[in-house]
């Protein structure tokens, strides 16, 4: 997709321009205040009430865009938002408190992506229940992209454990992109921001900001025991409370030893650990220009050590 340099208006709403995707497909509008799933959704005057209602109307692989209007609100359950048609994009409008808001009110609350080439852009995502497993769950869905969302715990025990979690079938989530998201975490022992649960190719994790009260875990990414090919983890910032006894990678962890790809230009802050291990050693990934600090008011230092060869 490309974007125009100046806005194009459809039904009185800017749908292209800075930050808005252009498409040859259709636009479907969603508004929880004025909408009905009995509407056709193709005008801001007749919006759908829910994203799932718009998905029913949208067409697979036609470039259709679902536009969540400002102040749209949905409560997320295990099935309420199921992105099951290939090639669709969900674009959330609105800034700050006026942006489309998604409330996760149960441990199993999650937005599922189960079709290829699905993109979800923006939105305020709030955990209002203890240990919400994952804001997004990626199933058999290559090319998924989660971009520009704001995720936040609403209390120390009203929290997300992870933000993005893949399925456990190798390569079904190839091409996953998690870009430009923000997470504010209040829980002391969450899981990883991104949990990769099987082998993956062409993974992109870029320009995310993580600010967490975690004293353990909350890595930017965990690969568990699985390897990746063509991985790019770049430009992320992670701030965690941490603990001096931490012995696993603070920023990245995993026991696979045959990864290919780069980890570059990331910044990590945590309590100093015994070994200052921001990433698990021996993965095979290449590191360029990453910085770590364990002290407030101190500039970070390069990690790992510079190659002496």
Foldseek 3Di string as FASTA:
>chain_A
DDFDCDFDDDQNDTQGHVPHDDFPAAEFEEALPQEDLVFLRRHPNHHHHAQVSVLVNDAAPRQYEYEYEWPREDEFDLPRAEQEGHNYEYHWDDDDNRIYEYEDEDLNGEHEYEEEQYEYAEYEYEQQAFANAEHYEYELYEQYEYEHYEYEYPEQRRFYLEHYEYDQDAASHENYEYEHYEYEENHAHGAENYEANEEYENYHYEQYEYAYAYQDHHAPYENAAYEYEAYEAEHYEYEYAYDQADDAARHYGYNAQDYEYEHEHYEYEYAHYPVNHNHHPRNHHYYYHYFYDNDPPDGTDDPDDDDPD
